[in-house]
C-alpha atoms as a PDB file:
ATOM      1  CA  MET A   1      14.140 -27.849   0.814  1.00  0.00           C
ATOM      2  CA  LYS A   2      17.547 -26.381   1.588  1.00  0.00           C
ATOM      3  CA  LYS A   3      18.776 -23.065   0.275  1.00  0.00           C
ATOM      4  CA  VAL A   4      22.383 -22.634  -0.779  1.00  0.00           C
ATOM      5  CA  PHE A   5      23.957 -19.201  -0.922  1.00  0.00           C
ATOM      6  CA  ILE A   6      26.878 -18.657  -3.280  1.00  0.00           C
ATOM      7  CA  VAL A   7      29.061 -15.561  -3.141  1.00  0.00           C
ATOM      8  CA  LEU A   8      30.117 -14.338  -6.575  1.00  0.00           C
ATOM      9  CA  GLU A   9      32.733 -11.787  -7.527  1.00  0.00           C
ATOM     10  CA  PRO A  10      31.300  -8.633  -9.176  1.00  0.00           C
ATOM     11  CA  GLU A  11      32.724  -9.545 -12.589  1.00  0.00           C
ATOM     12  CA  GLU A  12      31.128 -13.002 -12.356  1.00  0.00           C
ATOM     13  CA  ILE A  13      27.751 -11.425 -11.622  1.00  0.00           C
ATOM     14  CA  VAL A  14      28.071  -9.070 -14.604  1.00  0.00           C
ATOM     15  CA  LYS A  15      29.048 -11.954 -16.913  1.00  0.00           C
ATOM     16  CA  LEU A  16      26.177 -14.143 -15.685  1.00  0.00           C
ATOM     17  CA  GLU A  17      23.712 -11.265 -16.021  1.00  0.00           C
ATOM     18  CA  GLY A  18      24.873 -10.675 -19.602  1.00  0.00           C
ATOM     19  CA  ILE A  19      24.449 -14.337 -20.483  1.00  0.00           C
ATOM     20  CA  LEU A  20      20.973 -14.444 -18.949  1.00  0.00           C
ATOM     21  CA  MET A  21      19.886 -11.296 -20.806  1.00  0.00           C
ATOM     22  CA  ASP A  22      21.360 -12.168 -24.214  1.00  0.00           C
ATOM     23  CA  HIS A  23      21.191 -15.961 -24.389  1.00  0.00           C
ATOM     24  CA  ASP A  24      19.010 -18.877 -23.453  1.00  0.00           C
ATOM     25  CA  GLY A  25      18.986 -20.650 -20.119  1.00  0.00           C
ATOM     26  CA  GLU A  26      21.164 -23.492 -21.424  1.00  0.00           C
ATOM     27  CA  GLU A  27      24.198 -21.244 -21.867  1.00  0.00           C
ATOM     28  CA  ALA A  28      23.644 -19.669 -18.457  1.00  0.00           C
ATOM     29  CA  TRP A  29      23.437 -23.132 -16.887  1.00  0.00           C
ATOM     30  CA  GLU A  30      26.682 -24.171 -18.603  1.00  0.00           C
ATOM     31  CA  TYR A  31      28.398 -21.034 -17.278  1.00  0.00           C
ATOM     32  CA  LEU A  32      27.229 -21.826 -13.762  1.00  0.00           C
ATOM     33  CA  GLN A  33      28.151 -25.490 -14.074  1.00  0.00           C
ATOM     34  CA  PHE A  34      31.596 -25.157 -15.636  1.00  0.00           C
ATOM     35  CA  VAL A  35      32.838 -21.737 -14.470  1.00  0.00           C
ATOM     36  CA  ILE A  36      31.150 -20.833 -11.196  1.00  0.00           C
ATOM     37  CA  TYR A  37      30.617 -24.262  -9.615  1.00  0.00           C
ATOM     38  CA  PRO A  38      34.289 -25.326  -9.747  1.00  0.00           C
ATOM     39  CA  LYS A  39      35.154 -22.177  -7.779  1.00  0.00           C
ATOM     40  CA  ILE A  40      32.895 -23.167  -4.915  1.00  0.00           C
ATOM     41  CA  LYS A  41      34.741 -24.692  -1.991  1.00  0.00           C
ATOM     42  CA  LYS A  42      33.734 -28.111  -0.721  1.00  0.00           C
ATOM     43  CA  LYS A  43      32.284 -26.498   2.364  1.00  0.00           C
ATOM     44  CA  VAL A  44      28.955 -24.892   1.522  1.00  0.00           C
ATOM     45  CA  SER A  45      26.715 -23.233   4.046  1.00  0.00           C
ATOM     46  CA  CYS A  46      23.139 -24.494   3.845  1.00  0.00           C
ATOM     47  CA  LEU A  47      20.049 -23.239   5.586  1.00  0.00           C
ATOM     48  CA  ASP A  48      17.224 -25.614   6.331  1.00  0.00           C
ATOM     49  CA  GLY A  49      14.731 -22.969   7.386  1.00  0.00           C
ATOM     50  CA  LYS A  50      15.317 -23.302  11.122  1.00  0.00           C
END
């Protein structure tokens, strides 16, 4: 299993934390999918445990 590390801006972390604390997982997933994911560059660093 590979691990992917994503760097978020502080305001994105605060928003995501608020969604996770106040809402269900579905809304948090939508935020990740439609707001955070598009900001990720095509090049993603992956670690395979080696």
